[in-house]
Amino acid sequence: WATLLFIGGGLFAFFVVLPRLLLY
């Protein structure tokens, strides 16, 4: 679970958070 959450967090940042943050 720690590995899956680690990967999920990185993907969430890259595909969800960063585009919106950079857009601002």
PDBML (XML) file of the C-alpha atoms, coordinates in Angstrom:
<?xml version="1.0" encoding="UTF-8" ?>
<PDBx:datablock datablockName="MODEL"
   xmlns:PDBx="http://pdbml.pdb.org/schema/pdbx-v50.xsd"
   xmlns:xsi="http://www.w3.org/2001/XMLSchema-instance"
   xsi:schemaLocation="http://pdbml.pdb.org/schema/pdbx-v50.xsd pdbx-v50.xsd">
   <PDBx:atom_siteCategory>
      <PDBx:atom_site id="1">
         <PDBx:B_iso_or_equiv>0.00</PDBx:B_iso_or_equiv>
         <PDBx:Cartn_x>0.000</PDBx:Cartn_x>
         <PDBx:Cartn_y>0.000</PDBx:Cartn_y>
         <PDBx:Cartn_z>0.000</PDBx:Cartn_z>
         <PDBx:auth_asym_id>A</PDBx:auth_asym_id>
         <PDBx:auth_atom_id>CA</PDBx:auth_atom_id>
         <PDBx:auth_comp_id>TRP</PDBx:auth_comp_id>
         <PDBx:auth_seq_id>1</PDBx:auth_seq_id>
         <PDBx:group_PDB>ATOM</PDBx:group_PDB>
         <PDBx:label_alt_id xsi:nil="true" />
         <PDBx:label_asym_id>A</PDBx:label_asym_id>
         <PDBx:label_atom_id>CA</PDBx:label_atom_id>
         <PDBx:label_comp_id>TRP</PDBx:label_comp_id>
         <PDBx:label_entity_id>1</PDBx:label_entity_id>
         <PDBx:label_seq_id>1</PDBx:label_seq_id>
         <PDBx:occupancy>1.00</PDBx:occupancy>
         <PDBx:pdbx_PDB_model_num>1</PDBx:pdbx_PDB_model_num>
         <PDBx:type_symbol>C</PDBx:type_symbol>
      </PDBx:atom_site>
      <PDBx:atom_site id="2">
         <PDBx:B_iso_or_equiv>0.00</PDBx:B_iso_or_equiv>
         <PDBx:Cartn_x>2.858</PDBx:Cartn_x>
         <PDBx:Cartn_y>2.411</PDBx:Cartn_y>
         <PDBx:Cartn_z>0.717</PDBx:Cartn_z>
         <PDBx:auth_asym_id>A</PDBx:auth_asym_id>
         <PDBx:auth_atom_id>CA</PDBx:auth_atom_id>
         <PDBx:auth_comp_id>ALA</PDBx:auth_comp_id>
         <PDBx:auth_seq_id>2</PDBx:auth_seq_id>
         <PDBx:group_PDB>ATOM</PDBx:group_PDB>
         <PDBx:label_alt_id xsi:nil="true" />
         <PDBx:label_asym_id>A</PDBx:label_asym_id>
         <PDBx:label_atom_id>CA</PDBx:label_atom_id>
         <PDBx:label_comp_id>ALA</PDBx:label_comp_id>
         <PDBx:label_entity_id>1</PDBx:label_entity_id>
         <PDBx:label_seq_id>2</PDBx:label_seq_id>
         <PDBx:occupancy>1.00</PDBx:occupancy>
         <PDBx:pdbx_PDB_model_num>1</PDBx:pdbx_PDB_model_num>
         <PDBx:type_symbol>C</PDBx:type_symbol>
      </PDBx:atom_site>
      <PDBx:atom_site id="3">
         <PDBx:B_iso_or_equiv>0.00</PDBx:B_iso_or_equiv>
         <PDBx:Cartn_x>4.278</PDBx:Cartn_x>
         <PDBx:Cartn_y>1.794</PDBx:Cartn_y>
         <PDBx:Cartn_z>-2.760</PDBx:Cartn_z>
         <PDBx:auth_asym_id>A</PDBx:auth_asym_id>
         <PDBx:auth_atom_id>CA</PDBx:auth_atom_id>
         <PDBx:auth_comp_id>THR</PDBx:auth_comp_id>
         <PDBx:auth_seq_id>3</PDBx:auth_seq_id>
         <PDBx:group_PDB>ATOM</PDBx:group_PDB>
         <PDBx:label_alt_id xsi:nil="true" />
         <PDBx:label_asym_id>A</PDBx:label_asym_id>
         <PDBx:label_atom_id>CA</PDBx:label_atom_id>
         <PDBx:label_comp_id>THR</PDBx:label_comp_id>
         <PDBx:label_entity_id>1</PDBx:label_entity_id>
         <PDBx:label_seq_id>3</PDBx:label_seq_id>
         <PDBx:occupancy>1.00</PDBx:occupancy>
         <PDBx:pdbx_PDB_model_num>1</PDBx:pdbx_PDB_model_num>
         <PDBx:type_symbol>C</PDBx:type_symbol>
      </PDBx:atom_site>
      <PDBx:atom_site id="4">
         <PDBx:B_iso_or_equiv>0.00</PDBx:B_iso_or_equiv>
         <PDBx:Cartn_x>0.903</PDBx:Cartn_x>
         <PDBx:Cartn_y>2.167</PDBx:Cartn_y>
         <PDBx:Cartn_z>-4.486</PDBx:Cartn_z>
         <PDBx:auth_asym_id>A</PDBx:auth_asym_id>
         <PDBx:auth_atom_id>CA</PDBx:auth_atom_id>
         <PDBx:auth_comp_id>LEU</PDBx:auth_comp_id>
         <PDBx:auth_seq_id>4</PDBx:auth_seq_id>
         <PDBx:group_PDB>ATOM</PDBx:group_PDB>
         <PDBx:label_alt_id xsi:nil="true" />
         <PDBx:label_asym_id>A</PDBx:label_asym_id>
         <PDBx:label_atom_id>CA</PDBx:label_atom_id>
         <PDBx:label_comp_id>LEU</PDBx:label_comp_id>
         <PDBx:label_entity_id>1</PDBx:label_entity_id>
         <PDBx:label_seq_id>4</PDBx:label_seq_id>
         <PDBx:occupancy>1.00</PDBx:occupancy>
         <PDBx:pdbx_PDB_model_num>1</PDBx:pdbx_PDB_model_num>
         <PDBx:type_symbol>C</PDBx:type_symbol>
      </PDBx:atom_site>
      <PDBx:atom_site id="5">
         <PDBx:B_iso_or_equiv>0.00</PDBx:B_iso_or_equiv>
         <PDBx:Cartn_x>0.142</PDBx:Cartn_x>
         <PDBx:Cartn_y>5.389</PDBx:Cartn_y>
         <PDBx:Cartn_z>-2.609</PDBx:Cartn_z>
         <PDBx:auth_asym_id>A</PDBx:auth_asym_id>
         <PDBx:auth_atom_id>CA</PDBx:auth_atom_id>
         <PDBx:auth_comp_id>LEU</PDBx:auth_comp_id>
         <PDBx:auth_seq_id>5</PDBx:auth_seq_id>
         <PDBx:group_PDB>ATOM</PDBx:group_PDB>
         <PDBx:label_alt_id xsi:nil="true" />
         <PDBx:label_asym_id>A</PDBx:label_asym_id>
         <PDBx:label_atom_id>CA</PDBx:label_atom_id>
         <PDBx:label_comp_id>LEU</PDBx:label_comp_id>
         <PDBx:label_entity_id>1</PDBx:label_entity_id>
         <PDBx:label_seq_id>5</PDBx:label_seq_id>
         <PDBx:occupancy>1.00</PDBx:occupancy>
         <PDBx:pdbx_PDB_model_num>1</PDBx:pdbx_PDB_model_num>
         <PDBx:type_symbol>C</PDBx:type_symbol>
      </PDBx:atom_site>
      <PDBx:atom_site id="6">
         <PDBx:B_iso_or_equiv>0.00</PDBx:B_iso_or_equiv>
         <PDBx:Cartn_x>3.611</PDBx:Cartn_x>
         <PDBx:Cartn_y>6.742</PDBx:Cartn_y>
         <PDBx:Cartn_z>-3.406</PDBx:Cartn_z>
         <PDBx:auth_asym_id>A</PDBx:auth_asym_id>
         <PDBx:auth_atom_id>CA</PDBx:auth_atom_id>
         <PDBx:auth_comp_id>PHE</PDBx:auth_comp_id>
         <PDBx:auth_seq_id>6</PDBx:auth_seq_id>
         <PDBx:group_PDB>ATOM</PDBx:group_PDB>
         <PDBx:label_alt_id xsi:nil="true" />
         <PDBx:label_asym_id>A</PDBx:label_asym_id>
         <PDBx:label_atom_id>CA</PDBx:label_atom_id>
         <PDBx:label_comp_id>PHE</PDBx:label_comp_id>
         <PDBx:label_entity_id>1</PDBx:label_entity_id>
         <PDBx:label_seq_id>6</PDBx:label_seq_id>
         <PDBx:occupancy>1.00</PDBx:occupancy>
         <PDBx:pdbx_PDB_model_num>1</PDBx:pdbx_PDB_model_num>
         <PDBx:type_symbol>C</PDBx:type_symbol>
      </PDBx:atom_site>
      <PDBx:atom_site id="7">
         <PDBx:B_iso_or_equiv>0.00</PDBx:B_iso_or_equiv>
         <PDBx:Cartn_x>3.078</PDBx:Cartn_x>
         <PDBx:Cartn_y>6.128</PDBx:Cartn_y>
         <PDBx:Cartn_z>-7.122</PDBx:Cartn_z>
         <PDBx:auth_asym_id>A</PDBx:auth_asym_id>
         <PDBx:auth_atom_id>CA</PDBx:auth_atom_id>
         <PDBx:auth_comp_id>ILE</PDBx:auth_comp_id>
         <PDBx:auth_seq_id>7</PDBx:auth_seq_id>
         <PDBx:group_PDB>ATOM</PDBx:group_PDB>
         <PDBx:label_alt_id xsi:nil="true" />
         <PDBx:label_asym_id>A</PDBx:label_asym_id>
         <PDBx:label_atom_id>CA</PDBx:label_atom_id>
         <PDBx:label_comp_id>ILE</PDBx:label_comp_id>
         <PDBx:label_entity_id>1</PDBx:label_entity_id>
         <PDBx:label_seq_id>7</PDBx:label_seq_id>
         <PDBx:occupancy>1.00</PDBx:occupancy>
         <PDBx:pdbx_PDB_model_num>1</PDBx:pdbx_PDB_model_num>
         <PDBx:type_symbol>C</PDBx:type_symbol>
      </PDBx:atom_site>
      <PDBx:atom_site id="8">
         <PDBx:B_iso_or_equiv>0.00</PDBx:B_iso_or_equiv>
         <PDBx:Cartn_x>-0.484</PDBx:Cartn_x>
         <PDBx:Cartn_y>7.465</PDBx:Cartn_y>
         <PDBx:Cartn_z>-6.953</PDBx:Cartn_z>
         <PDBx:auth_asym_id>A</PDBx:auth_asym_id>
         <PDBx:auth_atom_id>CA</PDBx:auth_atom_id>
         <PDBx:auth_comp_id>GLY</PDBx:auth_comp_id>
         <PDBx:auth_seq_id>8</PDBx:auth_seq_id>
         <PDBx:group_PDB>ATOM</PDBx:group_PDB>
         <PDBx:label_alt_id xsi:nil="true" />
         <PDBx:label_asym_id>A</PDBx:label_asym_id>
         <PDBx:label_atom_id>CA</PDBx:label_atom_id>
         <PDBx:label_comp_id>GLY</PDBx:label_comp_id>
         <PDBx:label_entity_id>1</PDBx:label_entity_id>
         <PDBx:label_seq_id>8</PDBx:label_seq_id>
         <PDBx:occupancy>1.00</PDBx:occupancy>
         <PDBx:pdbx_PDB_model_num>1</PDBx:pdbx_PDB_model_num>
         <PDBx:type_symbol>C</PDBx:type_symbol>
      </PDBx:atom_site>
      <PDBx:atom_site id="9">
         <PDBx:B_iso_or_equiv>0.00</PDBx:B_iso_or_equiv>
         <PDBx:Cartn_x>0.668</PDBx:Cartn_x>
         <PDBx:Cartn_y>10.657</PDBx:Cartn_y>
         <PDBx:Cartn_z>-5.251</PDBx:Cartn_z>
         <PDBx:auth_asym_id>A</PDBx:auth_asym_id>
         <PDBx:auth_atom_id>CA</PDBx:auth_atom_id>
         <PDBx:auth_comp_id>GLY</PDBx:auth_comp_id>
         <PDBx:auth_seq_id>9</PDBx:auth_seq_id>
         <PDBx:group_PDB>ATOM</PDBx:group_PDB>
         <PDBx:label_alt_id xsi:nil="true" />
         <PDBx:label_asym_id>A</PDBx:label_asym_id>
         <PDBx:label_atom_id>CA</PDBx:label_atom_id>
         <PDBx:label_comp_id>GLY</PDBx:label_comp_id>
         <PDBx:label_entity_id>1</PDBx:label_entity_id>
         <PDBx:label_seq_id>9</PDBx:label_seq_id>
         <PDBx:occupancy>1.00</PDBx:occupancy>
         <PDBx:pdbx_PDB_model_num>1</PDBx:pdbx_PDB_model_num>
         <PDBx:type_symbol>C</PDBx:type_symbol>
      </PDBx:atom_site>
      <PDBx:atom_site id="10">
         <PDBx:B_iso_or_equiv>0.00</PDBx:B_iso_or_equiv>
         <PDBx:Cartn_x>3.302</PDBx:Cartn_x>
         <PDBx:Cartn_y>11.309</PDBx:Cartn_y>
         <PDBx:Cartn_z>-7.895</PDBx:Cartn_z>
         <PDBx:auth_asym_id>A</PDBx:auth_asym_id>
         <PDBx:auth_atom_id>CA</PDBx:auth_atom_id>
         <PDBx:auth_comp_id>GLY</PDBx:auth_comp_id>
         <PDBx:auth_seq_id>10</PDBx:auth_seq_id>
         <PDBx:group_PDB>ATOM</PDBx:group_PDB>
         <PDBx:label_alt_id xsi:nil="true" />
         <PDBx:label_asym_id>A</PDBx:label_asym_id>
         <PDBx:label_atom_id>CA</PDBx:label_atom_id>
         <PDBx:label_comp_id>GLY</PDBx:label_comp_id>
         <PDBx:label_entity_id>1</PDBx:label_entity_id>
         <PDBx:label_seq_id>10</PDBx:label_seq_id>
         <PDBx:occupancy>1.00</PDBx:occupancy>
         <PDBx:pdbx_PDB_model_num>1</PDBx:pdbx_PDB_model_num>
         <PDBx:type_symbol>C</PDBx:type_symbol>
      </PDBx:atom_site>
      <PDBx:atom_site id="11">
         <PDBx:B_iso_or_equiv>0.00</PDBx:B_iso_or_equiv>
         <PDBx:Cartn_x>0.817</PDBx:Cartn_x>
         <PDBx:Cartn_y>10.736</PDBx:Cartn_y>
         <PDBx:Cartn_z>-10.735</PDBx:Cartn_z>
         <PDBx:auth_asym_id>A</PDBx:auth_asym_id>
         <PDBx:auth_atom_id>CA</PDBx:auth_atom_id>
         <PDBx:auth_comp_id>LEU</PDBx:auth_comp_id>
         <PDBx:auth_seq_id>11</PDBx:auth_seq_id>
         <PDBx:group_PDB>ATOM</PDBx:group_PDB>
         <PDBx:label_alt_id xsi:nil="true" />
         <PDBx:label_asym_id>A</PDBx:label_asym_id>
         <PDBx:label_atom_id>CA</PDBx:label_atom_id>
         <PDBx:label_comp_id>LEU</PDBx:label_comp_id>
         <PDBx:label_entity_id>1</PDBx:label_entity_id>
         <PDBx:label_seq_id>11</PDBx:label_seq_id>
         <PDBx:occupancy>1.00</PDBx:occupancy>
         <PDBx:pdbx_PDB_model_num>1</PDBx:pdbx_PDB_model_num>
         <PDBx:type_symbol>C</PDBx:type_symbol>
      </PDBx:atom_site>
      <PDBx:atom_site id="12">
         <PDBx:B_iso_or_equiv>0.00</PDBx:B_iso_or_equiv>
         <PDBx:Cartn_x>-1.787</PDBx:Cartn_x>
         <PDBx:Cartn_y>12.950</PDBx:Cartn_y>
         <PDBx:Cartn_z>-9.042</PDBx:Cartn_z>
         <PDBx:auth_asym_id>A</PDBx:auth_asym_id>
         <PDBx:auth_atom_id>CA</PDBx:auth_atom_id>
         <PDBx:auth_comp_id>PHE</PDBx:auth_comp_id>
         <PDBx:auth_seq_id>12</PDBx:auth_seq_id>
         <PDBx:group_PDB>ATOM</PDBx:group_PDB>
         <PDBx:label_alt_id xsi:nil="true" />
         <PDBx:label_asym_id>A</PDBx:label_asym_id>
         <PDBx:label_atom_id>CA</PDBx:label_atom_id>
         <PDBx:label_comp_id>PHE</PDBx:label_comp_id>
         <PDBx:label_entity_id>1</PDBx:label_entity_id>
         <PDBx:label_seq_id>12</PDBx:label_seq_id>
         <PDBx:occupancy>1.00</PDBx:occupancy>
         <PDBx:pdbx_PDB_model_num>1</PDBx:pdbx_PDB_model_num>
         <PDBx:type_symbol>C</PDBx:type_symbol>
      </PDBx:atom_site>
      <PDBx:atom_site id="13">
         <PDBx:B_iso_or_equiv>0.00</PDBx:B_iso_or_equiv>
         <PDBx:Cartn_x>0.743</PDBx:Cartn_x>
         <PDBx:Cartn_y>15.775</PDBx:Cartn_y>
         <PDBx:Cartn_z>-8.727</PDBx:Cartn_z>
         <PDBx:auth_asym_id>A</PDBx:auth_asym_id>
         <PDBx:auth_atom_id>CA</PDBx:auth_atom_id>
         <PDBx:auth_comp_id>ALA</PDBx:auth_comp_id>
         <PDBx:auth_seq_id>13</PDBx:auth_seq_id>
         <PDBx:group_PDB>ATOM</PDBx:group_PDB>
         <PDBx:label_alt_id xsi:nil="true" />
         <PDBx:label_asym_id>A</PDBx:label_asym_id>
         <PDBx:label_atom_id>CA</PDBx:label_atom_id>
         <PDBx:label_comp_id>ALA</PDBx:label_comp_id>
         <PDBx:label_entity_id>1</PDBx:label_entity_id>
         <PDBx:label_seq_id>13</PDBx:label_seq_id>
         <PDBx:occupancy>1.00</PDBx:occupancy>
         <PDBx:pdbx_PDB_model_num>1</PDBx:pdbx_PDB_model_num>
         <PDBx:type_symbol>C</PDBx:type_symbol>
      </PDBx:atom_site>
      <PDBx:atom_site id="14">
         <PDBx:B_iso_or_equiv>0.00</PDBx:B_iso_or_equiv>
         <PDBx:Cartn_x>1.920</PDBx:Cartn_x>
         <PDBx:Cartn_y>15.458</PDBx:Cartn_y>
         <PDBx:Cartn_z>-12.314</PDBx:Cartn_z>
         <PDBx:auth_asym_id>A</PDBx:auth_asym_id>
         <PDBx:auth_atom_id>CA</PDBx:auth_atom_id>
         <PDBx:auth_comp_id>PHE</PDBx:auth_comp_id>
         <PDBx:auth_seq_id>14</PDBx:auth_seq_id>
         <PDBx:group_PDB>ATOM</PDBx:group_PDB>
         <PDBx:label_alt_id xsi:nil="true" />
         <PDBx:label_asym_id>A</PDBx:label_asym_id>
         <PDBx:label_atom_id>CA</PDBx:label_atom_id>
         <PDBx:label_comp_id>PHE</PDBx:label_comp_id>
         <PDBx:label_entity_id>1</PDBx:label_entity_id>
         <PDBx:label_seq_id>14</PDBx:label_seq_id>
         <PDBx:occupancy>1.00</PDBx:occupancy>
         <PDBx:pdbx_PDB_model_num>1</PDBx:pdbx_PDB_model_num>
         <PDBx:type_symbol>C</PDBx:type_symbol>
      </PDBx:atom_site>
      <PDBx:atom_site id="15">
         <PDBx:B_iso_or_equiv>0.00</PDBx:B_iso_or_equiv>
         <PDBx:Cartn_x>-1.423</PDBx:Cartn_x>
         <PDBx:Cartn_y>15.127</PDBx:Cartn_y>
         <PDBx:Cartn_z>-14.089</PDBx:Cartn_z>
         <PDBx:auth_asym_id>A</PDBx:auth_asym_id>
         <PDBx:auth_atom_id>CA</PDBx:auth_atom_id>
         <PDBx:auth_comp_id>PHE</PDBx:auth_comp_id>
         <PDBx:auth_seq_id>15</PDBx:auth_seq_id>
         <PDBx:group_PDB>ATOM</PDBx:group_PDB>
         <PDBx:label_alt_id xsi:nil="true" />
         <PDBx:label_asym_id>A</PDBx:label_asym_id>
         <PDBx:label_atom_id>CA</PDBx:label_atom_id>
         <PDBx:label_comp_id>PHE</PDBx:label_comp_id>
         <PDBx:label_entity_id>1</PDBx:label_entity_id>
         <PDBx:label_seq_id>15</PDBx:label_seq_id>
         <PDBx:occupancy>1.00</PDBx:occupancy>
         <PDBx:pdbx_PDB_model_num>1</PDBx:pdbx_PDB_model_num>
         <PDBx:type_symbol>C</PDBx:type_symbol>
      </PDBx:atom_site>
      <PDBx:atom_site id="16">
         <PDBx:B_iso_or_equiv>0.00</PDBx:B_iso_or_equiv>
         <PDBx:Cartn_x>-3.808</PDBx:Cartn_x>
         <PDBx:Cartn_y>17.029</PDBx:Cartn_y>
         <PDBx:Cartn_z>-11.779</PDBx:Cartn_z>
         <PDBx:auth_asym_id>A</PDBx:auth_asym_id>
         <PDBx:auth_atom_id>CA</PDBx:auth_atom_id>
         <PDBx:auth_comp_id>VAL</PDBx:auth_comp_id>
         <PDBx:auth_seq_id>16</PDBx:auth_seq_id>
         <PDBx:group_PDB>ATOM</PDBx:group_PDB>
         <PDBx:label_alt_id xsi:nil="true" />
         <PDBx:label_asym_id>A</PDBx:label_asym_id>
         <PDBx:label_atom_id>CA</PDBx:label_atom_id>
         <PDBx:label_comp_id>VAL</PDBx:label_comp_id>
         <PDBx:label_entity_id>1</PDBx:label_entity_id>
         <PDBx:label_seq_id>16</PDBx:label_seq_id>
         <PDBx:occupancy>1.00</PDBx:occupancy>
         <PDBx:pdbx_PDB_model_num>1</PDBx:pdbx_PDB_model_num>
         <PDBx:type_symbol>C</PDBx:type_symbol>
      </PDBx:atom_site>
      <PDBx:atom_site id="17">
         <PDBx:B_iso_or_equiv>0.00</PDBx:B_iso_or_equiv>
         <PDBx:Cartn_x>-2.037</PDBx:Cartn_x>
         <PDBx:Cartn_y>19.506</PDBx:Cartn_y>
         <PDBx:Cartn_z>-9.499</PDBx:Cartn_z>
         <PDBx:auth_asym_id>A</PDBx:auth_asym_id>
         <PDBx:auth_atom_id>CA</PDBx:auth_atom_id>
         <PDBx:auth_comp_id>VAL</PDBx:auth_comp_id>
         <PDBx:auth_seq_id>17</PDBx:auth_seq_id>
         <PDBx:group_PDB>ATOM</PDBx:group_PDB>
         <PDBx:label_alt_id xsi:nil="true" />
         <PDBx:label_asym_id>A</PDBx:label_asym_id>
         <PDBx:label_atom_id>CA</PDBx:label_atom_id>
         <PDBx:label_comp_id>VAL</PDBx:label_comp_id>
         <PDBx:label_entity_id>1</PDBx:label_entity_id>
         <PDBx:label_seq_id>17</PDBx:label_seq_id>
         <PDBx:occupancy>1.00</PDBx:occupancy>
         <PDBx:pdbx_PDB_model_num>1</PDBx:pdbx_PDB_model_num>
         <PDBx:type_symbol>C</PDBx:type_symbol>
      </PDBx:atom_site>
      <PDBx:atom_site id="18">
         <PDBx:B_iso_or_equiv>0.00</PDBx:B_iso_or_equiv>
         <PDBx:Cartn_x>0.826</PDBx:Cartn_x>
         <PDBx:Cartn_y>20.779</PDBx:Cartn_y>
         <PDBx:Cartn_z>-11.651</PDBx:Cartn_z>
         <PDBx:auth_asym_id>A</PDBx:auth_asym_id>
         <PDBx:auth_atom_id>CA</PDBx:auth_atom_id>
         <PDBx:auth_comp_id>LEU</PDBx:auth_comp_id>
         <PDBx:auth_seq_id>18</PDBx:auth_seq_id>
         <PDBx:group_PDB>ATOM</PDBx:group_PDB>
         <PDBx:label_alt_id xsi:nil="true" />
         <PDBx:label_asym_id>A</PDBx:label_asym_id>
         <PDBx:label_atom_id>CA</PDBx:label_atom_id>
         <PDBx:label_comp_id>LEU</PDBx:label_comp_id>
         <PDBx:label_entity_id>1</PDBx:label_entity_id>
         <PDBx:label_seq_id>18</PDBx:label_seq_id>
         <PDBx:occupancy>1.00</PDBx:occupancy>
         <PDBx:pdbx_PDB_model_num>1</PDBx:pdbx_PDB_model_num>
         <PDBx:type_symbol>C</PDBx:type_symbol>
      </PDBx:atom_site>
      <PDBx:atom_site id="19">
         <PDBx:B_iso_or_equiv>0.00</PDBx:B_iso_or_equiv>
         <PDBx:Cartn_x>-1.220</PDBx:Cartn_x>
         <PDBx:Cartn_y>21.754</PDBx:Cartn_y>
         <PDBx:Cartn_z>-14.753</PDBx:Cartn_z>
         <PDBx:auth_asym_id>A</PDBx:auth_asym_id>
         <PDBx:auth_atom_id>CA</PDBx:auth_atom_id>
         <PDBx:auth_comp_id>PRO</PDBx:auth_comp_id>
         <PDBx:auth_seq_id>19</PDBx:auth_seq_id>
         <PDBx:group_PDB>ATOM</PDBx:group_PDB>
         <PDBx:label_alt_id xsi:nil="true" />
         <PDBx:label_asym_id>A</PDBx:label_asym_id>
         <PDBx:label_atom_id>CA</PDBx:label_atom_id>
         <PDBx:label_comp_id>PRO</PDBx:label_comp_id>
         <PDBx:label_entity_id>1</PDBx:label_entity_id>
         <PDBx:label_seq_id>19</PDBx:label_seq_id>
         <PDBx:occupancy>1.00</PDBx:occupancy>
         <PDBx:pdbx_PDB_model_num>1</PDBx:pdbx_PDB_model_num>
         <PDBx:type_symbol>C</PDBx:type_symbol>
      </PDBx:atom_site>
      <PDBx:atom_site id="20">
         <PDBx:B_iso_or_equiv>0.00</PDBx:B_iso_or_equiv>
         <PDBx:Cartn_x>-3.581</PDBx:Cartn_x>
         <PDBx:Cartn_y>23.806</PDBx:Cartn_y>
         <PDBx:Cartn_z>-12.590</PDBx:Cartn_z>
         <PDBx:auth_asym_id>A</PDBx:auth_asym_id>
         <PDBx:auth_atom_id>CA</PDBx:auth_atom_id>
         <PDBx:auth_comp_id>ARG</PDBx:auth_comp_id>
         <PDBx:auth_seq_id>20</PDBx:auth_seq_id>
         <PDBx:group_PDB>ATOM</PDBx:group_PDB>
         <PDBx:label_alt_id xsi:nil="true" />
         <PDBx:label_asym_id>A</PDBx:label_asym_id>
         <PDBx:label_atom_id>CA</PDBx:label_atom_id>
         <PDBx:label_comp_id>ARG</PDBx:label_comp_id>
         <PDBx:label_entity_id>1</PDBx:label_entity_id>
         <PDBx:label_seq_id>20</PDBx:label_seq_id>
         <PDBx:occupancy>1.00</PDBx:occupancy>
         <PDBx:pdbx_PDB_model_num>1</PDBx:pdbx_PDB_model_num>
         <PDBx:type_symbol>C</PDBx:type_symbol>
      </PDBx:atom_site>
      <PDBx:atom_site id="21">
         <PDBx:B_iso_or_equiv>0.00</PDBx:B_iso_or_equiv>
         <PDBx:Cartn_x>-0.783</PDBx:Cartn_x>
         <PDBx:Cartn_y>25.328</PDBx:Cartn_y>
         <PDBx:Cartn_z>-10.545</PDBx:Cartn_z>
         <PDBx:auth_asym_id>A</PDBx:auth_asym_id>
         <PDBx:auth_atom_id>CA</PDBx:auth_atom_id>
         <PDBx:auth_comp_id>LEU</PDBx:auth_comp_id>
         <PDBx:auth_seq_id>21</PDBx:auth_seq_id>
         <PDBx:group_PDB>ATOM</PDBx:group_PDB>
         <PDBx:label_alt_id xsi:nil="true" />
         <PDBx:label_asym_id>A</PDBx:label_asym_id>
         <PDBx:label_atom_id>CA</PDBx:label_atom_id>
         <PDBx:label_comp_id>LEU</PDBx:label_comp_id>
         <PDBx:label_entity_id>1</PDBx:label_entity_id>
         <PDBx:label_seq_id>21</PDBx:label_seq_id>
         <PDBx:occupancy>1.00</PDBx:occupancy>
         <PDBx:pdbx_PDB_model_num>1</PDBx:pdbx_PDB_model_num>
         <PDBx:type_symbol>C</PDBx:type_symbol>
      </PDBx:atom_site>
      <PDBx:atom_site id="22">
         <PDBx:B_iso_or_equiv>0.00</PDBx:B_iso_or_equiv>
         <PDBx:Cartn_x>1.206</PDBx:Cartn_x>
         <PDBx:Cartn_y>26.244</PDBx:Cartn_y>
         <PDBx:Cartn_z>-13.637</PDBx:Cartn_z>
         <PDBx:auth_asym_id>A</PDBx:auth_asym_id>
         <PDBx:auth_atom_id>CA</PDBx:auth_atom_id>
         <PDBx:auth_comp_id>LEU</PDBx:auth_comp_id>
         <PDBx:auth_seq_id>22</PDBx:auth_seq_id>
         <PDBx:group_PDB>ATOM</PDBx:group_PDB>
         <PDBx:label_alt_id xsi:nil="true" />
         <PDBx:label_asym_id>A</PDBx:label_asym_id>
         <PDBx:label_atom_id>CA</PDBx:label_atom_id>
         <PDBx:label_comp_id>LEU</PDBx:label_comp_id>
         <PDBx:label_entity_id>1</PDBx:label_entity_id>
         <PDBx:label_seq_id>22</PDBx:label_seq_id>
         <PDBx:occupancy>1.00</PDBx:occupancy>
         <PDBx:pdbx_PDB_model_num>1</PDBx:pdbx_PDB_model_num>
         <PDBx:type_symbol>C</PDBx:type_symbol>
      </PDBx:atom_site>
      <PDBx:atom_site id="23">
         <PDBx:B_iso_or_equiv>0.00</PDBx:B_iso_or_equiv>
         <PDBx:Cartn_x>-1.945</PDBx:Cartn_x>
         <PDBx:Cartn_y>27.627</PDBx:Cartn_y>
         <PDBx:Cartn_z>-15.257</PDBx:Cartn_z>
         <PDBx:auth_asym_id>A</PDBx:auth_asym_id>
         <PDBx:auth_atom_id>CA</PDBx:auth_atom_id>
         <PDBx:auth_comp_id>LEU</PDBx:auth_comp_id>
         <PDBx:auth_seq_id>23</PDBx:auth_seq_id>
         <PDBx:group_PDB>ATOM</PDBx:group_PDB>
         <PDBx:label_alt_id xsi:nil="true" />
         <PDBx:label_asym_id>A</PDBx:label_asym_id>
         <PDBx:label_atom_id>CA</PDBx:label_atom_id>
         <PDBx:label_comp_id>LEU</PDBx:label_comp_id>
         <PDBx:label_entity_id>1</PDBx:label_entity_id>
         <PDBx:label_seq_id>23</PDBx:label_seq_id>
         <PDBx:occupancy>1.00</PDBx:occupancy>
         <PDBx:pdbx_PDB_model_num>1</PDBx:pdbx_PDB_model_num>
         <PDBx:type_symbol>C</PDBx:type_symbol>
      </PDBx:atom_site>
      <PDBx:atom_site id="24">
         <PDBx:B_iso_or_equiv>0.00</PDBx:B_iso_or_equiv>
         <PDBx:Cartn_x>-2.217</PDBx:Cartn_x>
         <PDBx:Cartn_y>30.073</PDBx:Cartn_y>
         <PDBx:Cartn_z>-12.378</PDBx:Cartn_z>
         <PDBx:auth_asym_id>A</PDBx:auth_asym_id>
         <PDBx:auth_atom_id>CA</PDBx:auth_atom_id>
         <PDBx:auth_comp_id>TYR</PDBx:auth_comp_id>
         <PDBx:auth_seq_id>24</PDBx:auth_seq_id>
         <PDBx:group_PDB>ATOM</PDBx:group_PDB>
         <PDBx:label_alt_id xsi:nil="true" />
         <PDBx:label_asym_id>A</PDBx:label_asym_id>
         <PDBx:label_atom_id>CA</PDBx:label_atom_id>
         <PDBx:label_comp_id>TYR</PDBx:label_comp_id>
         <PDBx:label_entity_id>1</PDBx:label_entity_id>
         <PDBx:label_seq_id>24</PDBx:label_seq_id>
         <PDBx:occupancy>1.00</PDBx:occupancy>
         <PDBx:pdbx_PDB_model_num>1</PDBx:pdbx_PDB_model_num>
         <PDBx:type_symbol>C</PDBx:type_symbol>
      </PDBx:atom_site>
   </PDBx:atom_siteCategory>
</PDBx:datablock>
